[in-house]
Amino acid sequence: MSQRKVTLRFKIGEWVDDVTDGFINFVGTFEILGALGLVLPILLNTLPVLTPTAAAGLSISMIGAMMVHNRRKEYKELAIALVLLLLCLFIVIGRFKIIPIN
């Protein structure tokens, strides 16, 4: 195991042992872009459709995270991913259905 994975294992969990370095980089980049997509449209008052779209993408990511944590029997992390999924779905439903984007 590389030194990088040992460090990541301590910081973000043991699931990094099951995936490649490229996948870890992909997930990290995807989640950073998703977080920016949630926040920047509101702060910059531009392209408001990006907020629920980013939340939908992060919802897919959280479903994947839940599958990984369930397979590894990491139930605390599974619960965290479930809460994040519910928050993302709240944004998606709220911005697409309840208070639609103008």
Foldseek 3Di string as FASTA:
>chain_A
DDPVVVVCCVVPHDLSVVDDPVVVVVLVVLVVVLVCLQPVCVVVVPDVVSNLVSLVSLLVVLVVQLVSCVVVVVVVSNVVSVVSNVVSVCRNCCDVPVPDDD
